[in-house]
Structures are given as C-alpha cells and as structure tokens.
Amino acid sequence: MEPPSTGDTRWDVFLAALAEHLAARDGAGAPSWTETRRLRRFWFPFNTPAARVDAFVHAPASFRRRGVFIHPQELEVA
C-alpha cells in the first residue's frame, strides 16, 4: 500500500528509496509504488561540501537511482 504524500516531493522520493533499500536488505522485493518516485534534480539532504562528496560516492543504489544522495551511515543513525 502506497503511503500518502508528505507534501514535499523530495521526502516522498526519499521514502521510496528507503523502502527499496530496507526491502533489499531484508531480501525482499521493493514495493511497486516505489518505482515511479524519482527526482529531476539531485538532492543532498545533508548539504555541506564534505557531506555532498561523501554521499555522491557512497549513496546506496536505491537512493542514487532516484537522485537522492545520502551517506549510508546516515541510515544507520536513525
């Protein structure tokens, strides 16, 4: 079941990437609703020069494919 929009496309795409990332980590397929969520411009939620470079290099595939760049360690903190 697709979750409702947050009202911010960037966060909607982030949640799709996170759902796919967690599904892959658990050995499951991504929910079908995640396929259509993509950004036209890259987005760096943690936007400092060092964080941008690190995220660009290390972002998980499910995030990179959607234009969201986050370091994998940020996902472990939550």
C-alpha atoms as a PDB file:
ATOM      1  CA  MET A   1       0.000   0.000   0.000  1.00  0.00           C
ATOM      2  CA  GLU A   2       1.422   3.363  -1.051  1.00  0.00           C
ATOM      3  CA  PRO A   3       1.839   5.826   1.799  1.00  0.00           C
ATOM      4  CA  PRO A   4       0.278   9.278   1.471  1.00  0.00           C
ATOM      5  CA  SER A   5       2.432  12.150   0.267  1.00  0.00           C
ATOM      6  CA  THR A   6       4.427  14.139   2.797  1.00  0.00           C
ATOM      7  CA  GLY A   7       3.690  17.270   0.779  1.00  0.00           C
ATOM      8  CA  ASP A   8       7.346  17.532  -0.299  1.00  0.00           C
ATOM      9  CA  THR A   9       8.383  15.562  -3.391  1.00  0.00           C
ATOM     10  CA  ARG A  10      11.960  15.223  -2.148  1.00  0.00           C
ATOM     11  CA  TRP A  11      10.866  13.437   1.018  1.00  0.00           C
ATOM     12  CA  ASP A  12       8.369  11.295  -0.894  1.00  0.00           C
ATOM     13  CA  VAL A  13      11.234  10.113  -3.112  1.00  0.00           C
ATOM     14  CA  PHE A  14      13.474   9.642  -0.067  1.00  0.00           C
ATOM     15  CA  LEU A  15      10.830   7.362   1.494  1.00  0.00           C
ATOM     16  CA  ALA A  16      10.577   5.323  -1.722  1.00  0.00           C
ATOM     17  CA  ALA A  17      14.356   4.896  -1.775  1.00  0.00           C
ATOM     18  CA  LEU A  18      14.356   3.931   1.895  1.00  0.00           C
ATOM     19  CA  ALA A  19      11.564   1.373   1.361  1.00  0.00           C
ATOM     20  CA  GLU A  20      13.517  -0.210  -1.504  1.00  0.00           C
ATOM     21  CA  HIS A  21      16.765  -0.120   0.481  1.00  0.00           C
ATOM     22  CA  LEU A  22      15.203  -1.832   3.515  1.00  0.00           C
ATOM     23  CA  ALA A  23      13.416  -4.410   1.361  1.00  0.00           C
ATOM     24  CA  ALA A  24      16.687  -5.306  -0.360  1.00  0.00           C
ATOM     25  CA  ARG A  25      18.468  -5.530   2.981  1.00  0.00           C
ATOM     26  CA  ASP A  26      15.791  -7.991   4.140  1.00  0.00           C
ATOM     27  CA  GLY A  27      15.960  -9.999   0.906  1.00  0.00           C
ATOM     28  CA  ALA A  28      12.550  -8.877  -0.354  1.00  0.00           C
ATOM     29  CA  GLY A  29      11.438  -7.094  -3.489  1.00  0.00           C
ATOM     30  CA  ALA A  30      10.732  -3.379  -3.428  1.00  0.00           C
ATOM     31  CA  PRO A  31       7.091  -2.300  -3.129  1.00  0.00           C
ATOM     32  CA  SER A  32       5.602  -1.490  -6.542  1.00  0.00           C
ATOM     33  CA  TRP A  33       4.780   2.114  -5.584  1.00  0.00           C
ATOM     34  CA  THR A  34       8.485   2.934  -5.240  1.00  0.00           C
ATOM     35  CA  GLU A  35       9.149   2.586  -8.981  1.00  0.00           C
ATOM     36  CA  THR A  36       7.523   5.854 -10.037  1.00  0.00           C
ATOM     37  CA  ARG A  37       9.158   8.140  -7.480  1.00  0.00           C
ATOM     38  CA  ARG A  38      12.182   9.998  -8.889  1.00  0.00           C
ATOM     39  CA  LEU A  39      13.674  13.488  -8.729  1.00  0.00           C
ATOM     40  CA  ARG A  40      14.642  15.573 -11.759  1.00  0.00           C
ATOM     41  CA  ARG A  41      17.400  17.374  -9.825  1.00  0.00           C
ATOM     42  CA  PHE A  42      19.858  15.775  -7.443  1.00  0.00           C
ATOM     43  CA  TRP A  43      19.108  16.346  -3.767  1.00  0.00           C
ATOM     44  CA  PHE A  44      21.544  16.167  -0.866  1.00  0.00           C
ATOM     45  CA  PRO A  45      19.539  16.164   2.414  1.00  0.00           C
ATOM     46  CA  PHE A  46      22.764  16.793   4.378  1.00  0.00           C
ATOM     47  CA  ASN A  47      24.190  19.593   2.292  1.00  0.00           C
ATOM     48  CA  THR A  48      27.696  20.543   3.353  1.00  0.00           C
ATOM     49  CA  PRO A  49      30.629  20.352   0.927  1.00  0.00           C
ATOM     50  CA  ALA A  50      32.159  17.298   2.644  1.00  0.00           C
ATOM     51  CA  ALA A  51      28.795  15.545   3.028  1.00  0.00           C
ATOM     52  CA  ARG A  52      27.967  16.118  -0.649  1.00  0.00           C
ATOM     53  CA  VAL A  53      31.168  14.476  -1.874  1.00  0.00           C
ATOM     54  CA  ASP A  54      30.850  11.583   0.544  1.00  0.00           C
ATOM     55  CA  ALA A  55      27.183  10.997  -0.302  1.00  0.00           C
ATOM     56  CA  PHE A  56      27.829  11.230  -4.046  1.00  0.00           C
ATOM     57  CA  VAL A  57      30.409   8.465  -3.782  1.00  0.00           C
ATOM     58  CA  HIS A  58      28.733   6.221  -1.214  1.00  0.00           C
ATOM     59  CA  ALA A  59      24.952   6.616  -1.590  1.00  0.00           C
ATOM     60  CA  PRO A  60      23.094   3.284  -1.741  1.00  0.00           C
ATOM     61  CA  ALA A  61      21.863   2.362  -5.227  1.00  0.00           C
ATOM     62  CA  SER A  62      18.173   2.786  -4.382  1.00  0.00           C
ATOM     63  CA  PHE A  63      18.864   6.417  -3.430  1.00  0.00           C
ATOM     64  CA  ARG A  64      21.300   7.201  -6.258  1.00  0.00           C
ATOM     65  CA  ARG A  65      18.884   5.885  -8.867  1.00  0.00           C
ATOM     66  CA  ARG A  66      16.274   8.383  -7.662  1.00  0.00           C
ATOM     67  CA  GLY A  67      18.600  11.380  -7.404  1.00  0.00           C
ATOM     68  CA  VAL A  68      18.874  11.385  -3.608  1.00  0.00           C
ATOM     69  CA  PHE A  69      22.396  11.353  -2.229  1.00  0.00           C
ATOM     70  CA  ILE A  70      22.886  10.314   1.363  1.00  0.00           C
ATOM     71  CA  HIS A  71      25.765   8.536   3.046  1.00  0.00           C
ATOM     72  CA  PRO A  72      24.762   5.008   4.183  1.00  0.00           C
ATOM     73  CA  GLN A  73      25.910   5.813   7.708  1.00  0.00           C
ATOM     74  CA  GLU A  74      23.074   8.363   7.985  1.00  0.00           C
ATOM     75  CA  LEU A  75      20.624   5.484   7.593  1.00  0.00           C
ATOM     76  CA  GLU A  76      22.197   3.596  10.487  1.00  0.00           C
ATOM     77  CA  VAL A  77      21.901   6.504  12.925  1.00  0.00           C
ATOM     78  CA  ALA A  78      18.106   6.610  12.884  1.00  0.00           C
END
